[in-house]
């Protein structure tokens, strides 16, 4: 499988930036941006990230040891 990469000069990239962004998104190919014939940057499509659900994210990270409802055997002063 070959990956096609387009090479474009920085001045041309500057003039066509928005249309090139759309092209990268639709065609899923990268663009190498050159300055005086030397590559200086690469524009690549972003992989779609799978968002984890907010609720249940910490499931399994907490464990309860002992009875959390029954009072402890210590007496303490609440600062009264």
PDB file of N, CA and C in Angstrom:
ATOM      1  N   UNK A   1       0.847  -1.179   0.000  1.00  0.00           N
ATOM      2  CA  UNK A   1       0.000   0.000   0.000  1.00  0.00           C
ATOM      3  C   UNK A   1       0.887   1.236   0.000  1.00  0.00           C
ATOM      4  N   UNK A   2       0.715   2.105  -0.959  1.00  0.00           N
ATOM      5  CA  UNK A   2       1.516   3.314  -1.048  1.00  0.00           C
ATOM      6  C   UNK A   2       0.722   4.498  -0.529  1.00  0.00           C
ATOM      7  N   UNK A   3       1.417   5.382   0.149  1.00  0.00           N
ATOM      8  CA  UNK A   3       0.789   6.591   0.673  1.00  0.00           C
ATOM      9  C   UNK A   3       1.194   7.749  -0.214  1.00  0.00           C
ATOM     10  N   UNK A   4       0.217   8.445  -0.752  1.00  0.00           N
ATOM     11  CA  UNK A   4       0.464   9.570  -1.645  1.00  0.00           C
ATOM     12  C   UNK A   4       0.617  10.833  -0.806  1.00  0.00           C
ATOM     13  N   UNK A   5       1.718  11.550  -1.030  1.00  0.00           N
ATOM     14  CA  UNK A   5       1.949  12.804  -0.331  1.00  0.00           C
ATOM     15  C   UNK A   5       2.187  13.890  -1.368  1.00  0.00           C
ATOM     16  N   UNK A   6       1.503  14.996  -1.221  1.00  0.00           N
ATOM     17  CA  UNK A   6       1.650  16.138  -2.127  1.00  0.00           C
ATOM     18  C   UNK A   6       2.708  17.070  -1.548  1.00  0.00           C
ATOM     19  N   UNK A   7       3.557  17.629  -2.405  1.00  0.00           N
ATOM     20  CA  UNK A   7       4.560  18.609  -1.979  1.00  0.00           C
ATOM     21  C   UNK A   7       4.187  19.948  -2.572  1.00  0.00           C
ATOM     22  N   UNK A   8       4.234  20.987  -1.726  1.00  0.00           N
ATOM     23  CA  UNK A   8       3.823  22.313  -2.167  1.00  0.00           C
ATOM     24  C   UNK A   8       4.737  23.361  -1.525  1.00  0.00           C
ATOM     25  N   UNK A   9       5.031  24.414  -2.267  1.00  0.00           N
ATOM     26  CA  UNK A   9       5.868  25.499  -1.752  1.00  0.00           C
ATOM     27  C   UNK A   9       5.081  26.319  -0.734  1.00  0.00           C
ATOM     28  N   UNK A  10       5.790  26.917   0.207  1.00  0.00           N
ATOM     29  CA  UNK A  10       5.151  27.673   1.290  1.00  0.00           C
ATOM     30  C   UNK A  10       4.312  28.828   0.760  1.00  0.00           C
ATOM     31  N   UNK A  11       4.778  29.526  -0.250  1.00  0.00           N
ATOM     32  CA  UNK A  11       4.024  30.643  -0.823  1.00  0.00           C
ATOM     33  C   UNK A  11       2.711  30.186  -1.433  1.00  0.00           C
ATOM     34  N   UNK A  12       2.755  29.068  -2.139  1.00  0.00           N
ATOM     35  CA  UNK A  12       1.531  28.520  -2.728  1.00  0.00           C
ATOM     36  C   UNK A  12       0.599  28.012  -1.628  1.00  0.00           C
ATOM     37  N   UNK A  13       1.163  27.398  -0.583  1.00  0.00           N
ATOM     38  CA  UNK A  13       0.351  26.945   0.542  1.00  0.00           C
ATOM     39  C   UNK A  13      -0.365  28.120   1.198  1.00  0.00           C
ATOM     40  N   UNK A  14       0.357  29.226   1.359  1.00  0.00           N
ATOM     41  CA  UNK A  14      -0.227  30.417   1.977  1.00  0.00           C
ATOM     42  C   UNK A  14      -1.415  30.932   1.158  1.00  0.00           C
ATOM     43  N   UNK A  15      -1.294  30.903  -0.147  1.00  0.00           N
ATOM     44  CA  UNK A  15      -2.358  31.402  -1.015  1.00  0.00           C
ATOM     45  C   UNK A  15      -3.566  30.471  -1.050  1.00  0.00           C
ATOM     46  N   UNK A  16      -3.347  29.163  -0.881  1.00  0.00           N
ATOM     47  CA  UNK A  16      -4.418  28.167  -1.030  1.00  0.00           C
ATOM     48  C   UNK A  16      -4.720  27.418   0.262  1.00  0.00           C
ATOM     49  N   UNK A  17      -4.358  27.981   1.391  1.00  0.00           N
ATOM     50  CA  UNK A  17      -4.418  27.278   2.673  1.00  0.00           C
ATOM     51  C   UNK A  17      -5.782  26.653   2.964  1.00  0.00           C
ATOM     52  N   UNK A  18      -6.843  27.415   2.894  1.00  0.00           N
ATOM     53  CA  UNK A  18      -8.165  26.899   3.259  1.00  0.00           C
ATOM     54  C   UNK A  18      -8.631  25.780   2.336  1.00  0.00           C
ATOM     55  N   UNK A  19      -8.390  25.905   1.053  1.00  0.00           N
ATOM     56  CA  UNK A  19      -8.793  24.844   0.129  1.00  0.00           C
ATOM     57  C   UNK A  19      -7.937  23.595   0.327  1.00  0.00           C
ATOM     58  N   UNK A  20      -6.658  23.782   0.673  1.00  0.00           N
ATOM     59  CA  UNK A  20      -5.803  22.627   0.939  1.00  0.00           C
ATOM     60  C   UNK A  20      -6.233  21.895   2.213  1.00  0.00           C
ATOM     61  N   UNK A  21      -6.680  22.641   3.222  1.00  0.00           N
ATOM     62  CA  UNK A  21      -7.191  22.005   4.441  1.00  0.00           C
ATOM     63  C   UNK A  21      -8.405  21.135   4.122  1.00  0.00           C
ATOM     64  N   UNK A  22      -9.294  21.643   3.289  1.00  0.00           N
ATOM     65  CA  UNK A  22     -10.465  20.860   2.883  1.00  0.00           C
ATOM     66  C   UNK A  22     -10.057  19.615   2.097  1.00  0.00           C
ATOM     67  N   UNK A  23      -9.057  19.760   1.243  1.00  0.00           N
ATOM     68  CA  UNK A  23      -8.582  18.630   0.433  1.00  0.00           C
ATOM     69  C   UNK A  23      -7.972  17.544   1.314  1.00  0.00           C
ATOM     70  N   UNK A  24      -7.180  17.942   2.298  1.00  0.00           N
ATOM     71  CA  UNK A  24      -6.567  16.969   3.208  1.00  0.00           C
ATOM     72  C   UNK A  24      -7.652  16.228   3.995  1.00  0.00           C
ATOM     73  N   UNK A  25      -8.668  16.959   4.426  1.00  0.00           N
ATOM     74  CA  UNK A  25      -9.738  16.332   5.184  1.00  0.00           C
ATOM     75  C   UNK A  25     -10.528  15.346   4.323  1.00  0.00           C
ATOM     76  N   UNK A  26     -10.836  15.711   3.094  1.00  0.00           N
ATOM     77  CA  UNK A  26     -11.658  14.842   2.251  1.00  0.00           C
ATOM     78  C   UNK A  26     -10.878  13.670   1.657  1.00  0.00           C
ATOM     79  N   UNK A  27      -9.647  13.905   1.231  1.00  0.00           N
ATOM     80  CA  UNK A  27      -8.883  12.837   0.571  1.00  0.00           C
ATOM     81  C   UNK A  27      -8.051  12.008   1.540  1.00  0.00           C
ATOM     82  N   UNK A  28      -7.895  12.494   2.803  1.00  0.00           N
ATOM     83  CA  UNK A  28      -7.118  11.787   3.825  1.00  0.00           C
ATOM     84  C   UNK A  28      -5.659  11.576   3.401  1.00  0.00           C
ATOM     85  N   UNK A  29      -5.099  12.502   2.608  1.00  0.00           N
ATOM     86  CA  UNK A  29      -3.692  12.441   2.222  1.00  0.00           C
ATOM     87  C   UNK A  29      -2.953  13.619   2.835  1.00  0.00           C
ATOM     88  N   UNK A  30      -1.665  13.480   3.003  1.00  0.00           N
ATOM     89  CA  UNK A  30      -0.854  14.524   3.607  1.00  0.00           C
ATOM     90  C   UNK A  30      -0.250  15.464   2.583  1.00  0.00           C
ATOM     91  N   UNK A  31       0.190  16.611   3.068  1.00  0.00           N
ATOM     92  CA  UNK A  31       0.869  17.599   2.231  1.00  0.00           C
ATOM     93  C   UNK A  31       2.162  17.996   2.927  1.00  0.00           C
ATOM     94  N   UNK A  32       3.273  17.979   2.188  1.00  0.00           N
ATOM     95  CA  UNK A  32       4.555  18.447   2.701  1.00  0.00           C
ATOM     96  C   UNK A  32       4.762  19.865   2.197  1.00  0.00           C
ATOM     97  N   UNK A  33       5.022  20.784   3.109  1.00  0.00           N
ATOM     98  CA  UNK A  33       5.206  22.191   2.762  1.00  0.00           C
ATOM     99  C   UNK A  33       6.702  22.480   2.745  1.00  0.00           C
ATOM    100  N   UNK A  34       7.170  23.055   1.645  1.00  0.00           N
ATOM    101  CA  UNK A  34       8.604  23.302   1.482  1.00  0.00           C
ATOM    102  C   UNK A  34       8.891  24.791   1.453  1.00  0.00           C
ATOM    103  N   UNK A  35      10.112  25.105   1.834  1.00  0.00           N
ATOM    104  CA  UNK A  35      10.605  26.482   1.755  1.00  0.00           C
ATOM    105  C   UNK A  35      11.972  26.404   1.086  1.00  0.00           C
ATOM    106  N   UNK A  36      12.089  27.034  -0.050  1.00  0.00           N
ATOM    107  CA  UNK A  36      13.314  26.982  -0.865  1.00  0.00           C
ATOM    108  C   UNK A  36      13.706  25.536  -1.199  1.00  0.00           C
ATOM    109  N   UNK A  37      12.699  24.706  -1.433  1.00  0.00           N
ATOM    110  CA  UNK A  37      12.945  23.321  -1.840  1.00  0.00           C
ATOM    111  C   UNK A  37      13.180  22.344  -0.702  1.00  0.00           C
ATOM    112  N   UNK A  38      13.236  22.828   0.527  1.00  0.00           N
ATOM    113  CA  UNK A  38      13.465  21.958   1.687  1.00  0.00           C
ATOM    114  C   UNK A  38      12.164  21.786   2.463  1.00  0.00           C
ATOM    115  N   UNK A  39      11.822  20.568   2.834  1.00  0.00           N
ATOM    116  CA  UNK A  39      10.602  20.353   3.614  1.00  0.00           C
ATOM    117  C   UNK A  39      10.716  20.988   4.999  1.00  0.00           C
ATOM    118  N   UNK A  40       9.683  21.731   5.396  1.00  0.00           N
ATOM    119  CA  UNK A  40       9.690  22.383   6.703  1.00  0.00           C
ATOM    120  C   UNK A  40       8.492  21.985   7.562  1.00  0.00           C
ATOM    121  N   UNK A  41       7.416  21.511   6.946  1.00  0.00           N
ATOM    122  CA  UNK A  41       6.226  21.147   7.716  1.00  0.00           C
ATOM    123  C   UNK A  41       5.428  20.096   6.953  1.00  0.00           C
ATOM    124  N   UNK A  42       4.592  19.405   7.705  1.00  0.00           N
ATOM    125  CA  UNK A  42       3.732  18.400   7.099  1.00  0.00           C
ATOM    126  C   UNK A  42       2.305  18.626   7.598  1.00  0.00           C
ATOM    127  N   UNK A  43       1.359  18.664   6.692  1.00  0.00           N
ATOM    128  CA  UNK A  43      -0.044  18.808   7.019  1.00  0.00           C
ATOM    129  C   UNK A  43      -0.691  17.446   6.810  1.00  0.00           C
ATOM    130  N   UNK A  44      -1.190  16.865   7.883  1.00  0.00           N
ATOM    131  CA  UNK A  44      -1.778  15.527   7.815  1.00  0.00           C
ATOM    132  C   UNK A  44      -3.188  15.550   8.401  1.00  0.00           C
ATOM    133  N   UNK A  45      -4.045  14.637   7.957  1.00  0.00           N
ATOM    134  CA  UNK A  45      -5.400  14.589   8.511  1.00  0.00           C
ATOM    135  C   UNK A  45      -5.378  14.083   9.955  1.00  0.00           C
ATOM    136  N   UNK A  46      -6.327  14.562  10.731  1.00  0.00           N
ATOM    137  CA  UNK A  46      -6.437  14.150  12.125  1.00  0.00           C
ATOM    138  C   UNK A  46      -7.251  12.869  12.182  1.00  0.00           C
ATOM    139  N   UNK A  47      -6.763  11.906  12.971  1.00  0.00           N
ATOM    140  CA  UNK A  47      -7.532  10.681  13.185  1.00  0.00           C
ATOM    141  C   UNK A  47      -8.713  11.005  14.073  1.00  0.00           C
ATOM    142  N   UNK A  48      -9.833  10.419  13.760  1.00  0.00           N
ATOM    143  CA  UNK A  48     -11.022  10.628  14.583  1.00  0.00           C
ATOM    144  C   UNK A  48     -10.795   9.967  15.930  1.00  0.00           C
ATOM    145  N   UNK A  49     -10.909  10.737  16.996  1.00  0.00           N
ATOM    146  CA  UNK A  49     -10.703  10.212  18.337  1.00  0.00           C
ATOM    147  C   UNK A  49     -12.031   9.762  18.917  1.00  0.00           C
ATOM    148  N   UNK A  50     -12.007   8.608  19.558  1.00  0.00           N
ATOM    149  CA  UNK A  50     -13.206   8.101  20.202  1.00  0.00           C
ATOM    150  C   UNK A  50     -13.256   8.682  21.605  1.00  0.00           C
ATOM    151  N   UNK A  51     -14.310   9.413  21.886  1.00  0.00           N
ATOM    152  CA  UNK A  51     -14.470  10.037  23.187  1.00  0.00           C
ATOM    153  C   UNK A  51     -14.975   9.016  24.198  1.00  0.00           C
ATOM    154  N   UNK A  52     -14.325   8.953  25.353  1.00  0.00           N
ATOM    155  CA  UNK A  52     -14.805   8.109  26.431  1.00  0.00           C
ATOM    156  C   UNK A  52     -15.991   8.795  27.079  1.00  0.00           C
ATOM    157  N   UNK A  53     -16.992   8.020  27.497  1.00  0.00           N
ATOM    158  CA  UNK A  53     -18.115   8.651  28.191  1.00  0.00           C
ATOM    159  C   UNK A  53     -17.671   9.232  29.527  1.00  0.00           C
ATOM    160  N   UNK A  54     -18.286  10.336  29.923  1.00  0.00           N
ATOM    161  CA  UNK A  54     -17.915  10.997  31.158  1.00  0.00           C
ATOM    162  C   UNK A  54     -18.313  10.159  32.374  1.00  0.00           C
ATOM    163  N   UNK A  55     -19.524   9.620  32.363  1.00  0.00           N
ATOM    164  CA  UNK A  55     -19.992   8.842  33.495  1.00  0.00           C
ATOM    165  C   UNK A  55     -19.453   7.418  33.405  1.00  0.00           C
ATOM    166  N   UNK A  56     -18.926   6.935  34.508  1.00  0.00           N
ATOM    167  CA  UNK A  56     -18.362   5.596  34.549  1.00  0.00           C
ATOM    168  C   UNK A  56     -16.893   5.547  34.197  1.00  0.00           C
ATOM    169  N   UNK A  57     -16.275   6.689  33.982  1.00  0.00           N
ATOM    170  CA  UNK A  57     -14.872   6.739  33.577  1.00  0.00           C
ATOM    171  C   UNK A  57     -13.942   6.174  34.651  1.00  0.00           C
ATOM    172  N   UNK A  58     -14.302   6.358  35.939  1.00  0.00           N
ATOM    173  CA  UNK A  58     -13.434   5.904  37.031  1.00  0.00           C
ATOM    174  C   UNK A  58     -13.878   4.553  37.607  1.00  0.00           C
ATOM    175  N   UNK A  59     -14.753   3.860  36.899  1.00  0.00           N
ATOM    176  CA  UNK A  59     -15.228   2.571  37.371  1.00  0.00           C
ATOM    177  C   UNK A  59     -14.055   1.621  37.589  1.00  0.00           C
ATOM    178  N   UNK A  60     -14.057   0.981  38.772  1.00  0.00           N
ATOM    179  CA  UNK A  60     -13.019   0.007  39.083  1.00  0.00           C
ATOM    180  C   UNK A  60     -11.769   0.604  39.705  1.00  0.00           C
ATOM    181  N   UNK A  61     -11.733   1.905  39.956  1.00  0.00           N
ATOM    182  CA  UNK A  61     -10.528   2.511  40.520  1.00  0.00           C
ATOM    183  C   UNK A  61     -10.613   2.688  42.032  1.00  0.00           C
ATOM    184  N   UNK A  62     -11.794   2.485  42.626  1.00  0.00           N
ATOM    185  CA  UNK A  62     -11.969   2.667  44.066  1.00  0.00           C
ATOM    186  C   UNK A  62     -12.436   1.363  44.677  1.00  0.00           C
ATOM    187  N   UNK A  63     -11.874   1.038  45.840  1.00  0.00           N
ATOM    188  CA  UNK A  63     -12.343  -0.147  46.551  1.00  0.00           C
ATOM    189  C   UNK A  63     -12.688   0.251  47.982  1.00  0.00           C
ATOM    190  N   UNK A  64     -13.764  -0.326  48.499  1.00  0.00           N
ATOM    191  CA  UNK A  64     -14.217  -0.048  49.855  1.00  0.00           C
ATOM    192  C   UNK A  64     -13.777  -1.210  50.733  1.00  0.00           C
ATOM    193  N   UNK A  65     -13.044  -0.887  51.774  1.00  0.00           N
ATOM    194  CA  UNK A  65     -12.619  -1.939  52.695  1.00  0.00           C
ATOM    195  C   UNK A  65     -13.241  -1.647  54.055  1.00  0.00           C
ATOM    196  N   UNK A  66     -14.046  -2.554  54.553  1.00  0.00           N
ATOM    197  CA  UNK A  66     -14.699  -2.367  55.842  1.00  0.00           C
ATOM    198  C   UNK A  66     -16.051  -1.700  55.700  1.00  0.00           C
ATOM    199  N   UNK A  67     -16.680  -1.457  56.832  1.00  0.00           N
ATOM    200  CA  UNK A  67     -18.001  -0.844  56.869  1.00  0.00           C
ATOM    201  C   UNK A  67     -17.837   0.671  56.913  1.00  0.00           C
ATOM    202  N   UNK A  68     -18.404   1.362  55.944  1.00  0.00           N
ATOM    203  CA  UNK A  68     -18.242   2.816  55.892  1.00  0.00           C
ATOM    204  C   UNK A  68     -19.377   3.544  56.601  1.00  0.00           C
ATOM    205  N   UNK A  69     -20.391   2.794  57.093  1.00  0.00           N
ATOM    206  CA  UNK A  69     -21.526   3.427  57.749  1.00  0.00           C
ATOM    207  C   UNK A  69     -21.404   3.393  59.268  1.00  0.00           C
ATOM    208  N   UNK A  70     -20.933   2.302  59.813  1.00  0.00           N
ATOM    209  CA  UNK A  70     -20.831   2.139  61.254  1.00  0.00           C
ATOM    210  C   UNK A  70     -19.775   3.075  61.828  1.00  0.00           C
ATOM    211  N   UNK A  71     -20.067   3.697  63.009  1.00  0.00           N
ATOM    212  CA  UNK A  71     -19.092   4.628  63.591  1.00  0.00           C
ATOM    213  C   UNK A  71     -17.798   3.935  64.012  1.00  0.00           C
ATOM    214  N   UNK A  72     -16.725   4.700  64.035  1.00  0.00           N
ATOM    215  CA  UNK A  72     -15.431   4.171  64.465  1.00  0.00           C
ATOM    216  C   UNK A  72     -15.360   4.161  65.982  1.00  0.00           C
ATOM    217  N   UNK A  73     -14.365   3.479  66.551  1.00  0.00           N
ATOM    218  CA  UNK A  73     -14.242   3.344  67.994  1.00  0.00           C
ATOM    219  C   UNK A  73     -13.516   4.532  68.627  1.00  0.00           C
ATOM    220  N   UNK A  74     -13.261   5.586  67.911  1.00  0.00           N
ATOM    221  CA  UNK A  74     -12.564   6.736  68.451  1.00  0.00           C
ATOM    222  C   UNK A  74     -13.546   7.851  68.759  1.00  0.00           C
ATOM    223  N   UNK A  75     -13.294   8.585  69.835  1.00  0.00           N
ATOM    224  CA  UNK A  75     -14.060   9.778  70.125  1.00  0.00           C
ATOM    225  C   UNK A  75     -13.259  10.980  69.645  1.00  0.00           C
ATOM    226  N   UNK A  76     -13.940  11.938  69.084  1.00  0.00           N
ATOM    227  CA  UNK A  76     -13.230  13.102  68.590  1.00  0.00           C
ATOM    228  C   UNK A  76     -14.076  14.349  68.802  1.00  0.00           C
ATOM    229  N   UNK A  77     -13.381  15.444  68.865  1.00  0.00           N
ATOM    230  CA  UNK A  77     -14.021  16.728  69.136  1.00  0.00           C
ATOM    231  C   UNK A  77     -14.127  17.477  67.815  1.00  0.00           C
ATOM    232  N   UNK A  78     -15.302  17.954  67.504  1.00  0.00           N
ATOM    233  CA  UNK A  78     -15.537  18.634  66.242  1.00  0.00           C
ATOM    234  C   UNK A  78     -15.201  20.115  66.345  1.00  0.00           C
ATOM    235  N   UNK A  79     -14.583  20.540  67.446  1.00  0.00           N
ATOM    236  CA  UNK A  79     -14.155  21.925  67.559  1.00  0.00           C
ATOM    237  C   UNK A  79     -15.225  22.812  68.167  1.00  0.00           C
ATOM    238  N   UNK A  80     -16.100  22.251  68.928  1.00  0.00           N
ATOM    239  CA  UNK A  80     -17.181  23.036  69.524  1.00  0.00           C
ATOM    240  C   UNK A  80     -16.717  23.895  70.658  1.00  0.00           C
TER     241      UNK A  80
END
